C-alpha atoms as a PDB file:
ATOM      1  CA  MET A   1       0.000   0.000   0.000  1.00  0.00           C
ATOM      2  CA  LYS A   2       1.355   3.425  -0.981  1.00  0.00           C
ATOM      3  CA  TYR A   3       1.967   5.507   2.158  1.00  0.00           C
ATOM      4  CA  ALA A   4       2.906   9.115   2.896  1.00  0.00           C
ATOM      5  CA  LEU A   5       3.654  11.026   6.090  1.00  0.00           C
ATOM      6  CA  ILE A   6       2.674  14.645   6.731  1.00  0.00           C
ATOM      7  CA  GLY A   7       4.683  16.171   9.565  1.00  0.00           C
ATOM      8  CA  CYS A   8       8.290  15.180  10.269  1.00  0.00           C
ATOM      9  CA  GLY A   9       8.758  16.244  13.881  1.00  0.00           C
ATOM     10  CA  ARG A  10       9.386  14.403  17.167  1.00  0.00           C
ATOM     11  CA  VAL A  11       7.032  11.481  16.638  1.00  0.00           C
ATOM     12  CA  ALA A  12       7.697  10.987  12.900  1.00  0.00           C
ATOM     13  CA  SER A  13      10.338   8.295  13.359  1.00  0.00           C
ATOM     14  CA  SER A  14       7.826   6.144  15.263  1.00  0.00           C
ATOM     15  CA  HIS A  15       5.444   6.390  12.306  1.00  0.00           C
ATOM     16  CA  ILE A  16       8.131   5.495   9.767  1.00  0.00           C
ATOM     17  CA  THR A  17       9.233   2.526  11.867  1.00  0.00           C
ATOM     18  CA  ALA A  18       5.618   1.328  12.108  1.00  0.00           C
ATOM     19  CA  ALA A  19       5.144   1.783   8.352  1.00  0.00           C
ATOM     20  CA  ARG A  20       8.283  -0.241   7.621  1.00  0.00           C
ATOM     21  CA  ASN A  21       7.329  -2.941  10.118  1.00  0.00           C
ATOM     22  CA  ASN A  22       4.041  -3.298   8.255  1.00  0.00           C
ATOM     23  CA  ASN A  23       5.697  -3.425   4.808  1.00  0.00           C
ATOM     24  CA  LEU A  24       4.128  -0.223   3.536  1.00  0.00           C
ATOM     25  CA  ASP A  25       5.442   1.437   0.391  1.00  0.00           C
ATOM     26  CA  ILE A  26       6.702   4.739   1.817  1.00  0.00           C
ATOM     27  CA  ALA A  27       6.282   7.098  -1.145  1.00  0.00           C
ATOM     28  CA  ALA A  28       6.729  10.635   0.210  1.00  0.00           C
ATOM     29  CA  LEU A  29       7.232  12.912   3.191  1.00  0.00           C
ATOM     30  CA  CYS A  30       5.814  16.384   3.745  1.00  0.00           C
ATOM     31  CA  ASP A  31       6.854  19.177   6.106  1.00  0.00           C
ATOM     32  CA  ILE A  32       6.940  22.959   5.836  1.00  0.00           C
ATOM     33  CA  ASP A  33      10.336  22.997   7.562  1.00  0.00           C
ATOM     34  CA  PRO A  34      13.120  22.651   4.970  1.00  0.00           C
ATOM     35  CA  ASN A  35      15.191  20.938   7.672  1.00  0.00           C
ATOM     36  CA  PRO A  36      12.700  18.662   9.409  1.00  0.00           C
ATOM     37  CA  HIS A  37      13.460  16.411  12.350  1.00  0.00           C
ATOM     38  CA  LEU A  38      13.115  13.398  10.061  1.00  0.00           C
ATOM     39  CA  GLN A  39      14.876  13.191   6.713  1.00  0.00           C
ATOM     40  CA  LEU A  40      15.031  10.151   4.446  1.00  0.00           C
ATOM     41  CA  ASN A  41      17.301  10.879   1.508  1.00  0.00           C
ATOM     42  CA  ASP A  42      15.715   8.375  -0.818  1.00  0.00           C
ATOM     43  CA  LEU A  43      12.211   9.881  -0.556  1.00  0.00           C
ATOM     44  CA  PRO A  44      10.734  13.017  -2.138  1.00  0.00           C
ATOM     45  CA  MET A  45      10.107  15.774   0.403  1.00  0.00           C
ATOM     46  CA  TYR A  46       7.124  18.056  -0.168  1.00  0.00           C
ATOM     47  CA  THR A  47       6.342  21.314   1.602  1.00  0.00           C
ATOM     48  CA  ASP A  48       2.685  21.453   0.457  1.00  0.00           C
ATOM     49  CA  TYR A  49       0.595  18.460   1.470  1.00  0.00           C
ATOM     50  CA  ARG A  50      -2.114  19.173  -1.096  1.00  0.00           C
ATOM     51  CA  THR A  51       0.493  19.017  -3.873  1.00  0.00           C
ATOM     52  CA  MET A  52       1.754  15.770  -2.416  1.00  0.00           C
ATOM     53  CA  LEU A  53      -1.753  14.281  -2.345  1.00  0.00           C
ATOM     54  CA  ARG A  54      -2.306  15.275  -5.959  1.00  0.00           C
ATOM     55  CA  GLU A  55       1.041  14.081  -7.329  1.00  0.00           C
ATOM     56  CA  VAL A  56       1.737  10.996  -5.201  1.00  0.00           C
ATOM     57  CA  GLN A  57      -1.864   9.803  -4.720  1.00  0.00           C
ATOM     58  CA  PRO A  58      -1.129   7.819  -1.543  1.00  0.00           C
ATOM     59  CA  GLU A  59      -3.589   5.196  -0.362  1.00  0.00           C
ATOM     60  CA  LEU A  60      -2.755   5.775   3.317  1.00  0.00           C
ATOM     61  CA  VAL A  61      -1.549   9.017   4.903  1.00  0.00           C
ATOM     62  CA  ALA A  62      -0.269   9.538   8.442  1.00  0.00           C
ATOM     63  CA  ILE A  63      -0.730  13.033   9.882  1.00  0.00           C
ATOM     64  CA  ALA A  64       1.713  14.090  12.612  1.00  0.00           C
ATOM     65  CA  THR A  65       1.477  17.884  12.428  1.00  0.00           C
ATOM     66  CA  PRO A  66       0.557  20.456  15.123  1.00  0.00           C
ATOM     67  CA  SER A  67      -2.795  19.486  16.597  1.00  0.00           C
ATOM     68  CA  GLY A  68      -4.695  22.498  15.324  1.00  0.00           C
ATOM     69  CA  LEU A  69      -4.000  21.389  11.741  1.00  0.00           C
ATOM     70  CA  HIS A  70      -5.270  17.828  12.133  1.00  0.00           C
ATOM     71  CA  ALA A  71      -8.924  18.293  11.232  1.00  0.00           C
ATOM     72  CA  GLN A  72      -8.574  20.114   7.914  1.00  0.00           C
ATOM     73  CA  MET A  73      -5.692  17.934   6.766  1.00  0.00           C
ATOM     74  CA  THR A  74      -7.707  14.808   7.525  1.00  0.00           C
ATOM     75  CA  LEU A  75     -10.708  16.083   5.588  1.00  0.00           C
ATOM     76  CA  ASP A  76      -8.455  16.907   2.627  1.00  0.00           C
ATOM     77  CA  CYS A  77      -6.866  13.455   2.704  1.00  0.00           C
ATOM     78  CA  LEU A  78     -10.280  11.781   2.773  1.00  0.00           C
ATOM     79  CA  ASP A  79     -11.398  13.955  -0.140  1.00  0.00           C
ATOM     80  CA  ALA A  80      -8.288  12.765  -2.006  1.00  0.00           C
ATOM     81  CA  GLY A  81      -9.334   9.141  -1.447  1.00  0.00           C
ATOM     82  CA  ALA A  82      -6.736   8.260   1.181  1.00  0.00           C
ATOM     83  CA  HIS A  83      -7.212   6.389   4.442  1.00  0.00           C
ATOM     84  CA  VAL A  84      -5.737   8.270   7.426  1.00  0.00           C
ATOM     85  CA  ILE A  85      -3.718   7.471  10.533  1.00  0.00           C
ATOM     86  CA  LEU A  86      -4.136  10.606  12.625  1.00  0.00           C
ATOM     87  CA  GLU A  87      -2.046  11.713  15.584  1.00  0.00           C
ATOM     88  CA  LYS A  88      -3.857  12.698  18.757  1.00  0.00           C
ATOM     89  CA  PRO A  89      -5.850  14.769  19.419  1.00  0.00           C
ATOM     90  CA  MET A  90      -7.903  14.212  16.268  1.00  0.00           C
ATOM     91  CA  ALA A  91      -9.155  17.825  16.458  1.00  0.00           C
ATOM     92  CA  MET A  92      -9.264  20.752  18.853  1.00  0.00           C
ATOM     93  CA  ASN A  93     -13.057  20.787  19.169  1.00  0.00           C
ATOM     94  CA  LEU A  94     -15.934  18.340  18.859  1.00  0.00           C
ATOM     95  CA  ALA A  95     -17.461  20.055  15.830  1.00  0.00           C
ATOM     96  CA  ASP A  96     -14.335  19.410  13.755  1.00  0.00           C
ATOM     97  CA  ALA A  97     -14.066  15.880  15.131  1.00  0.00           C
ATOM     98  CA  ALA A  98     -17.664  15.229  14.059  1.00  0.00           C
ATOM     99  CA  LYS A  99     -16.830  16.416  10.547  1.00  0.00           C
ATOM    100  CA  ILE A 100     -14.068  13.805  10.370  1.00  0.00           C
ATOM    101  CA  VAL A 101     -16.456  11.076  11.530  1.00  0.00           C
ATOM    102  CA  GLU A 102     -19.070  12.116   8.972  1.00  0.00           C
ATOM    103  CA  LYS A 103     -16.558  12.368   6.115  1.00  0.00           C
ATOM    104  CA  ALA A 104     -15.076   8.949   6.908  1.00  0.00           C
ATOM    105  CA  GLN A 105     -18.546   7.415   6.910  1.00  0.00           C
ATOM    106  CA  ALA A 106     -19.521   9.166   3.673  1.00  0.00           C
ATOM    107  CA  THR A 107     -16.365   8.112   1.814  1.00  0.00           C
ATOM    108  CA  GLY A 108     -16.090   4.632   3.310  1.00  0.00           C
ATOM    109  CA  LEU A 109     -12.483   5.372   4.239  1.00  0.00           C
ATOM    110  CA  ILE A 110     -10.742   4.494   7.495  1.00  0.00           C
ATOM    111  CA  VAL A 111      -9.517   7.027  10.046  1.00  0.00           C
ATOM    112  CA  GLY A 112      -7.400   5.503  12.801  1.00  0.00           C
ATOM    113  CA  VAL A 113      -6.601   7.880  15.664  1.00  0.00           C
ATOM    114  CA  ASN A 114      -3.150   7.320  17.113  1.00  0.00           C
ATOM    115  CA  LEU A 115      -4.007   6.503  20.712  1.00  0.00           C
ATOM    116  CA  GLN A 116      -1.573   3.631  20.562  1.00  0.00           C
ATOM    117  CA  ASN A 117      -1.324   2.863  24.272  1.00  0.00           C
ATOM    118  CA  ARG A 118      -4.404   0.654  23.954  1.00  0.00           C
ATOM    119  CA  PHE A 119      -2.130  -1.771  22.137  1.00  0.00           C
ATOM    120  CA  ASN A 120       0.421  -2.004  24.948  1.00  0.00           C
ATOM    121  CA  PRO A 121       0.580  -5.680  26.024  1.00  0.00           C
ATOM    122  CA  ALA A 122      -0.087  -4.864  29.692  1.00  0.00           C
ATOM    123  CA  ALA A 123      -3.127  -2.765  28.772  1.00  0.00           C
ATOM    124  CA  GLN A 124      -4.448  -5.560  26.566  1.00  0.00           C
ATOM    125  CA  GLN A 125      -4.093  -8.029  29.452  1.00  0.00           C
ATOM    126  CA  LEU A 126      -5.878  -5.629  31.803  1.00  0.00           C
ATOM    127  CA  LYS A 127      -8.743  -5.135  29.337  1.00  0.00           C
ATOM    128  CA  GLN A 128      -9.149  -8.910  29.060  1.00  0.00           C
ATOM    129  CA  ALA A 129      -9.331  -9.191  32.863  1.00  0.00           C
ATOM    130  CA  ILE A 130     -12.026  -6.493  33.027  1.00  0.00           C
ATOM    131  CA  ASP A 131     -14.063  -8.012  30.195  1.00  0.00           C
ATOM    132  CA  ALA A 132     -13.844 -11.431  31.868  1.00  0.00           C
ATOM    133  CA  GLY A 133     -15.405  -9.944  35.025  1.00  0.00           C
ATOM    134  CA  ARG A 134     -12.396 -10.657  37.227  1.00  0.00           C
ATOM    135  CA  PHE A 135     -12.706  -7.341  39.082  1.00  0.00           C
ATOM    136  CA  GLY A 136     -16.373  -7.827  39.844  1.00  0.00           C
ATOM    137  CA  ARG A 137     -17.842  -4.385  40.332  1.00  0.00           C
ATOM    138  CA  ILE A 138     -15.288  -1.641  39.656  1.00  0.00           C
ATOM    139  CA  PHE A 139     -15.276   0.947  42.428  1.00  0.00           C
ATOM    140  CA  ASN A 140     -12.642   3.473  41.403  1.00  0.00           C
ATOM    141  CA  ALA A 141      -9.733   4.179  39.078  1.00  0.00           C
ATOM    142  CA  ASN A 142      -6.791   6.575  39.039  1.00  0.00           C
ATOM    143  CA  MET A 143      -4.605   7.905  36.232  1.00  0.00           C
ATOM    144  CA  HIS A 144      -1.607  10.038  37.154  1.00  0.00           C
ATOM    145  CA  LEU A 145       0.911  11.433  34.677  1.00  0.00           C
ATOM    146  CA  GLN A 146       4.062  13.167  35.886  1.00  0.00           C
ATOM    147  CA  TRP A 147       6.369  14.152  33.061  1.00  0.00           C
ATOM    148  CA  TYR A 148       8.944  16.905  32.643  1.00  0.00           C
ATOM    149  CA  ARG A 149       8.731  19.396  29.770  1.00  0.00           C
ATOM    150  CA  ASP A 150      10.614  22.680  30.139  1.00  0.00           C
ATOM    151  CA  ASP A 151      10.489  25.907  28.168  1.00  0.00           C
ATOM    152  CA  GLU A 152      14.017  25.758  26.783  1.00  0.00           C
ATOM    153  CA  SER A 153      14.108  22.266  25.288  1.00  0.00           C
ATOM    154  CA  TYR A 154      10.404  21.724  24.574  1.00  0.00           C
ATOM    155  CA  TYR A 155       7.848  24.525  24.609  1.00  0.00           C
ATOM    156  CA  SER A 156      10.051  27.221  23.062  1.00  0.00           C
ATOM    157  CA  THR A 157      11.221  24.942  20.235  1.00  0.00           C
ATOM    158  CA  ALA A 158       7.981  25.516  18.291  1.00  0.00           C
ATOM    159  CA  ALA A 159       5.595  28.469  18.444  1.00  0.00           C
ATOM    160  CA  TRP A 160       2.506  26.247  18.465  1.00  0.00           C
ATOM    161  CA  ARG A 161       3.422  24.345  21.613  1.00  0.00           C
ATOM    162  CA  GLY A 162       1.302  25.167  24.630  1.00  0.00           C
ATOM    163  CA  THR A 163      -1.113  27.395  22.697  1.00  0.00           C
ATOM    164  CA  HIS A 164      -4.871  27.013  23.017  1.00  0.00           C
ATOM    165  CA  ALA A 165      -5.443  27.056  19.267  1.00  0.00           C
ATOM    166  CA  GLN A 166      -2.771  24.594  18.131  1.00  0.00           C
ATOM    167  CA  ASP A 167      -1.840  22.393  21.085  1.00  0.00           C
ATOM    168  CA  GLY A 168      -3.570  22.697  24.438  1.00  0.00           C
ATOM    169  CA  GLY A 169      -1.782  21.876  27.665  1.00  0.00           C
ATOM    170  CA  VAL A 170      -0.749  18.769  29.534  1.00  0.00           C
ATOM    171  CA  MET A 171      -4.250  17.318  29.379  1.00  0.00           C
ATOM    172  CA  MET A 172      -4.759  17.666  25.626  1.00  0.00           C
ATOM    173  CA  ASN A 173      -1.196  16.865  24.573  1.00  0.00           C
ATOM    174  CA  GLN A 174       0.500  14.501  27.007  1.00  0.00           C
ATOM    175  CA  SER A 175      -2.343  13.031  29.092  1.00  0.00           C
ATOM    176  CA  ILE A 176      -4.774  12.200  26.307  1.00  0.00           C
ATOM    177  CA  HIS A 177      -3.218   8.730  25.968  1.00  0.00           C
ATOM    178  CA  GLY A 178      -3.844   7.897  29.617  1.00  0.00           C
ATOM    179  CA  ILE A 179      -7.336   9.389  29.532  1.00  0.00           C
ATOM    180  CA  ASP A 180      -8.222   7.331  26.474  1.00  0.00           C
ATOM    181  CA  LEU A 181      -6.776   4.205  28.073  1.00  0.00           C
ATOM    182  CA  LEU A 182      -8.727   4.761  31.294  1.00  0.00           C
ATOM    183  CA  ASN A 183     -11.998   5.411  29.482  1.00  0.00           C
ATOM    184  CA  TRP A 184     -11.544   2.381  27.209  1.00  0.00           C
ATOM    185  CA  LEU A 185     -10.940   0.172  30.243  1.00  0.00           C
ATOM    186  CA  MET A 186     -13.983   1.561  32.051  1.00  0.00           C
ATOM    187  CA  GLY A 187     -16.122   0.669  29.025  1.00  0.00           C
ATOM    188  CA  ALA A 188     -18.305   3.784  29.102  1.00  0.00           C
ATOM    189  CA  ASP A 189     -18.104   7.551  28.968  1.00  0.00           C
ATOM    190  CA  PRO A 190     -18.318   9.533  32.225  1.00  0.00           C
ATOM    191  CA  VAL A 191     -21.597  11.218  33.086  1.00  0.00           C
ATOM    192  CA  GLN A 192     -19.913  14.023  35.048  1.00  0.00           C
ATOM    193  CA  VAL A 193     -16.516  15.749  34.869  1.00  0.00           C
ATOM    194  CA  LYS A 194     -15.095  18.180  37.441  1.00  0.00           C
ATOM    195  CA  ALA A 195     -11.679  19.764  36.993  1.00  0.00           C
ATOM    196  CA  PHE A 196      -9.099  22.317  38.118  1.00  0.00           C
ATOM    197  CA  ARG A 197      -6.176  23.474  36.009  1.00  0.00           C
ATOM    198  CA  SER A 198      -3.260  25.865  36.482  1.00  0.00           C
ATOM    199  CA  THR A 199      -0.282  27.291  34.638  1.00  0.00           C
ATOM    200  CA  LEU A 200       2.333  27.503  37.360  1.00  0.00           C
ATOM    201  CA  ALA A 201       5.801  27.423  35.844  1.00  0.00           C
ATOM    202  CA  ARG A 202       5.842  27.181  32.046  1.00  0.00           C
ATOM    203  CA  ASN A 203       5.656  30.148  29.692  1.00  0.00           C
ATOM    204  CA  ILE A 204       2.602  28.861  27.813  1.00  0.00           C
ATOM    205  CA  GLU A 205      -1.051  29.789  27.328  1.00  0.00           C
ATOM    206  CA  ALA A 206      -2.424  26.397  28.355  1.00  0.00           C
ATOM    207  CA  GLU A 207      -2.087  24.446  31.592  1.00  0.00           C
ATOM    208  CA  ASP A 208       0.973  22.675  32.963  1.00  0.00           C
ATOM    209  CA  LEU A 209      -1.019  21.094  35.817  1.00  0.00           C
ATOM    210  CA  VAL A 210      -4.524  19.630  35.914  1.00  0.00           C
ATOM    211  CA  ALA A 211      -6.614  17.561  38.310  1.00  0.00           C
ATOM    212  CA  ALA A 212      -9.998  16.123  37.453  1.00  0.00           C
ATOM    213  CA  VAL A 213     -12.625  13.710  38.749  1.00  0.00           C
ATOM    214  CA  LEU A 214     -14.841  11.596  36.483  1.00  0.00           C
ATOM    215  CA  ARG A 215     -18.068   9.894  37.565  1.00  0.00           C
ATOM    216  CA  TYR A 216     -19.088   6.869  35.493  1.00  0.00           C
ATOM    217  CA  PRO A 217     -22.609   5.497  34.895  1.00  0.00           C
ATOM    218  CA  CYS A 218     -21.980   2.529  37.194  1.00  0.00           C
ATOM    219  CA  GLY A 219     -21.164   4.907  40.068  1.00  0.00           C
ATOM    220  CA  ALA A 220     -17.409   4.380  39.892  1.00  0.00           C
ATOM    221  CA  ILE A 221     -15.229   7.471  40.292  1.00  0.00           C
ATOM    222  CA  ALA A 222     -11.900   8.061  38.562  1.00  0.00           C
ATOM    223  CA  SER A 223      -9.289  10.655  39.453  1.00  0.00           C
ATOM    224  CA  LEU A 224      -6.808  12.275  37.094  1.00  0.00           C
ATOM    225  CA  GLN A 225      -3.729  14.289  38.013  1.00  0.00           C
ATOM    226  CA  CYS A 226      -1.366  15.323  35.244  1.00  0.00           C
ATOM    227  CA  THR A 227       1.579  17.669  34.981  1.00  0.00           C
ATOM    228  CA  THR A 228       4.654  18.527  32.922  1.00  0.00           C
ATOM    229  CA  LEU A 229       6.323  19.943  36.052  1.00  0.00           C
ATOM    230  CA  ARG A 230       7.778  16.708  37.419  1.00  0.00           C
ATOM    231  CA  TYR A 231      10.961  17.625  39.253  1.00  0.00           C
ATOM    232  CA  HIS A 232      14.051  16.112  37.612  1.00  0.00           C
ATOM    233  CA  ALA A 233      13.250  12.442  38.075  1.00  0.00           C
ATOM    234  CA  ALA A 234      12.076   9.518  35.997  1.00  0.00           C
ATOM    235  CA  GLU A 235       8.903  10.274  34.073  1.00  0.00           C
ATOM    236  CA  GLU A 236       5.953   8.269  35.308  1.00  0.00           C
ATOM    237  CA  GLN A 237       2.411   7.448  34.252  1.00  0.00           C
ATOM    238  CA  THR A 238       0.359   5.198  36.486  1.00  0.00           C
ATOM    239  CA  LEU A 239      -3.050   3.647  35.975  1.00  0.00           C
ATOM    240  CA  GLU A 240      -4.973   1.864  38.726  1.00  0.00           C
ATOM    241  CA  ILE A 241      -8.211  -0.100  38.569  1.00  0.00           C
ATOM    242  CA  ASN A 242      -9.809  -1.155  41.874  1.00  0.00           C
ATOM    243  CA  GLY A 243     -12.792  -3.471  42.182  1.00  0.00           C
ATOM    244  CA  GLU A 244     -14.516  -5.751  44.649  1.00  0.00           C
ATOM    245  CA  ARG A 245     -12.391  -8.745  43.619  1.00  0.00           C
ATOM    246  CA  GLY A 246      -9.205  -7.283  42.160  1.00  0.00           C
ATOM    247  CA  PHE A 247      -6.667  -4.474  41.977  1.00  0.00           C
ATOM    248  CA  VAL A 248      -4.172  -3.707  39.200  1.00  0.00           C
ATOM    249  CA  ARG A 249      -1.576  -0.977  38.983  1.00  0.00           C
ATOM    250  CA  LEU A 250       0.279  -0.239  35.752  1.00  0.00           C
ATOM    251  CA  GLY A 251       3.300   2.046  35.980  1.00  0.00           C
ATOM    252  CA  GLY A 252       6.477   3.009  34.187  1.00  0.00           C
ATOM    253  CA  SER A 253       6.772   6.001  31.909  1.00  0.00           C
ATOM    254  CA  CYS A 254       3.522   5.312  30.011  1.00  0.00           C
ATOM    255  CA  ALA A 255       1.539   2.734  32.001  1.00  0.00           C
ATOM    256  CA  GLN A 256       3.223  -0.213  30.295  1.00  0.00           C
ATOM    257  CA  VAL A 257       4.683  -1.931  33.352  1.00  0.00           C
ATOM    258  CA  VAL A 258       2.690  -4.234  35.642  1.00  0.00           C
ATOM    259  CA  ASP A 259       3.437  -3.122  39.213  1.00  0.00           C
ATOM    260  CA  ILE A 260       0.571  -4.915  40.996  1.00  0.00           C
ATOM    261  CA  TRP A 261      -1.742  -7.652  39.678  1.00  0.00           C
ATOM    262  CA  ARG A 262      -4.013  -9.190  42.322  1.00  0.00           C
ATOM    263  CA  PHE A 263      -7.357 -10.958  42.066  1.00  0.00           C
ATOM    264  CA  ASP A 264      -9.416 -13.233  44.273  1.00  0.00           C
ATOM    265  CA  ASP A 265      -9.162 -15.899  41.586  1.00  0.00           C
ATOM    266  CA  ASN A 266      -5.400 -15.588  41.053  1.00  0.00           C
ATOM    267  CA  ALA A 267      -3.731 -18.716  39.807  1.00  0.00           C
ATOM    268  CA  PRO A 268      -0.491 -19.598  41.637  1.00  0.00           C
ATOM    269  CA  ASP A 269       2.281 -17.137  40.832  1.00  0.00           C
ATOM    270  CA  GLU A 270       0.057 -15.187  38.384  1.00  0.00           C
ATOM    271  CA  GLU A 271       1.139 -11.794  39.719  1.00  0.00           C
ATOM    272  CA  GLU A 272       4.818 -12.742  39.517  1.00  0.00           C
ATOM    273  CA  CYS A 273       4.307 -13.993  35.964  1.00  0.00           C
ATOM    274  CA  MET A 274       2.518 -10.799  34.895  1.00  0.00           C
ATOM    275  CA  ARG A 275       5.205  -8.609  36.416  1.00  0.00           C
ATOM    276  CA  HIS A 276       7.901 -10.678  34.716  1.00  0.00           C
ATOM    277  CA  ASN A 277       6.230 -10.608  31.289  1.00  0.00           C
ATOM    278  CA  TYR A 278       5.125  -6.963  31.411  1.00  0.00           C
ATOM    279  CA  GLY A 279       7.685  -5.386  33.691  1.00  0.00           C
ATOM    280  CA  THR A 280      10.019  -3.628  31.253  1.00  0.00           C
ATOM    281  CA  ASN A 281       9.814   0.088  30.606  1.00  0.00           C
ATOM    282  CA  PRO A 282       9.933   1.093  26.903  1.00  0.00           C
ATOM    283  CA  ALA A 283      12.783   3.149  25.506  1.00  0.00           C
ATOM    284  CA  SER A 284      10.544   6.208  25.163  1.00  0.00           C
ATOM    285  CA  VAL A 285       7.143   7.421  26.358  1.00  0.00           C
ATOM    286  CA  TYR A 286       5.760   6.659  22.885  1.00  0.00           C
ATOM    287  CA  GLY A 287       5.796   3.006  23.879  1.00  0.00           C
ATOM    288  CA  HIS A 288       5.516   0.025  21.545  1.00  0.00           C
ATOM    289  CA  GLY A 289       2.013   0.564  20.183  1.00  0.00           C
ATOM    290  CA  HIS A 290       2.572   2.318  16.841  1.00  0.00           C
ATOM    291  CA  THR A 291       3.366  -0.839  14.870  1.00  0.00           C
ATOM    292  CA  LEU A 292       0.357  -2.665  16.317  1.00  0.00           C
ATOM    293  CA  HIS A 293      -1.907   0.314  15.691  1.00  0.00           C
ATOM    294  CA  TYR A 294      -0.775   0.447  12.059  1.00  0.00           C
ATOM    295  CA  ALA A 295      -1.387  -3.289  11.720  1.00  0.00           C
ATOM    296  CA  ASP A 296      -4.899  -2.872  13.110  1.00  0.00           C
ATOM    297  CA  VAL A 297      -5.689  -0.057  10.661  1.00  0.00           C
ATOM    298  CA  LEU A 298      -4.398  -2.154   7.754  1.00  0.00           C
ATOM    299  CA  ARG A 299      -6.498  -5.101   8.947  1.00  0.00           C
ATOM    300  CA  ALA A 300      -9.574  -2.856   8.991  1.00  0.00           C
ATOM    301  CA  ILE A 301      -8.858  -1.571   5.477  1.00  0.00           C
ATOM    302  CA  ALA A 302      -8.396  -5.109   4.152  1.00  0.00           C
ATOM    303  CA  THR A 303     -11.521  -6.505   5.797  1.00  0.00           C
ATOM    304  CA  GLY A 304     -13.875  -3.541   5.447  1.00  0.00           C
ATOM    305  CA  THR A 305     -14.256  -3.285   9.227  1.00  0.00           C
ATOM    306  CA  GLN A 306     -13.265  -0.621  11.750  1.00  0.00           C
ATOM    307  CA  PRO A 307      -9.984  -0.349  13.693  1.00  0.00           C
ATOM    308  CA  LEU A 308      -9.934  -0.445  17.477  1.00  0.00           C
ATOM    309  CA  VAL A 309      -9.361   3.323  17.644  1.00  0.00           C
ATOM    310  CA  ASN A 310     -11.442   4.764  14.821  1.00  0.00           C
ATOM    311  CA  ALA A 311     -12.650   8.353  14.571  1.00  0.00           C
ATOM    312  CA  GLU A 312     -15.615   7.772  16.867  1.00  0.00           C
ATOM    313  CA  GLU A 313     -13.316   6.304  19.513  1.00  0.00           C
ATOM    314  CA  GLY A 314     -10.923   9.221  19.079  1.00  0.00           C
ATOM    315  CA  MET A 315     -13.751  11.602  19.976  1.00  0.00           C
ATOM    316  CA  ARG A 316     -14.324  10.000  23.377  1.00  0.00           C
ATOM    317  CA  ALA A 317     -11.082  11.126  25.036  1.00  0.00           C
ATOM    318  CA  LEU A 318     -11.362  14.509  23.320  1.00  0.00           C
ATOM    319  CA  ALA A 319     -14.854  14.983  24.776  1.00  0.00           C
ATOM    320  CA  ILE A 320     -13.597  14.282  28.316  1.00  0.00           C
ATOM    321  CA  ILE A 321     -10.751  16.775  27.962  1.00  0.00           C
ATOM    322  CA  LEU A 322     -12.991  19.496  26.564  1.00  0.00           C
ATOM    323  CA  ALA A 323     -15.515  18.870  29.360  1.00  0.00           C
ATOM    324  CA  ALA A 324     -12.718  19.205  31.915  1.00  0.00           C
ATOM    325  CA  TYR A 325     -11.526  22.441  30.305  1.00  0.00           C
ATOM    326  CA  ALA A 326     -15.070  23.814  30.339  1.00  0.00           C
ATOM    327  CA  ASP A 327     -15.597  22.908  34.003  1.00  0.00           C
ATOM    328  CA  ALA A 328     -12.225  24.399  34.985  1.00  0.00           C
ATOM    329  CA  ARG A 329     -13.186  27.667  33.301  1.00  0.00           C
END
């Protein structure tokens, strides 16, 4: 399948690796920066994505540009007849996200939103435990993200970072993966969202610290606390699910490491086995999910079905974040 990538910044290498691992025909790159983060000498480099769509005619396009550009670029790719793998967030508002959903349905094309942490092996094991009823009734959940992003090496490197229009803050940019993972595991959307947010130390428009509480239809309550102000220490994202018959805690830099795995029905040494099999932190906070996400999108294209994280699924985490922003205001 002929593939092209729009946006050659920090995450671009993960997309190219996933494309290669899935045997895609990488036909072109596009970036407005003449010296992008990612350069592959054997590929044509475009600076206008519409020209690239017209001349290359890719069948699948990955979009990894500033977040505020995602919606229009996706609509243009769908109009050009290309399936899309879209970096998070899929849009900056629900109206634009709905346009993507409607266009994908109208064209019959696939949009896979890159919330790749669902494909982490530990998360997949946890989802299976929930679906099998091993927790019994779920009482509460917690998702905490503590990462470090400073002005000098991160926010000031691109004018769009930390802006309301093009990026958002720690909740929209960094924490969306954990929020999506939590909501997917809970199996429903929250009925109530309460939130506080602050900008305490970074020179940005959006927040560098947020805390929120989500109430789910079953009565369970989830807490979120997320920041890019982690004092110089290992980055950490934890996810906890607590029920009447089980408790699991995933940790590491992006909730990929099994810290605790306990159930009433535990087989002998199950927790030790889970911690052994899923106890290694990935090399980066991007994790290992890109290749599996790409494979799932390609499976959906080949079979005429939907990927695990399609456009409708991409809207769910976005809706929670926007509800939290609205409540904080």
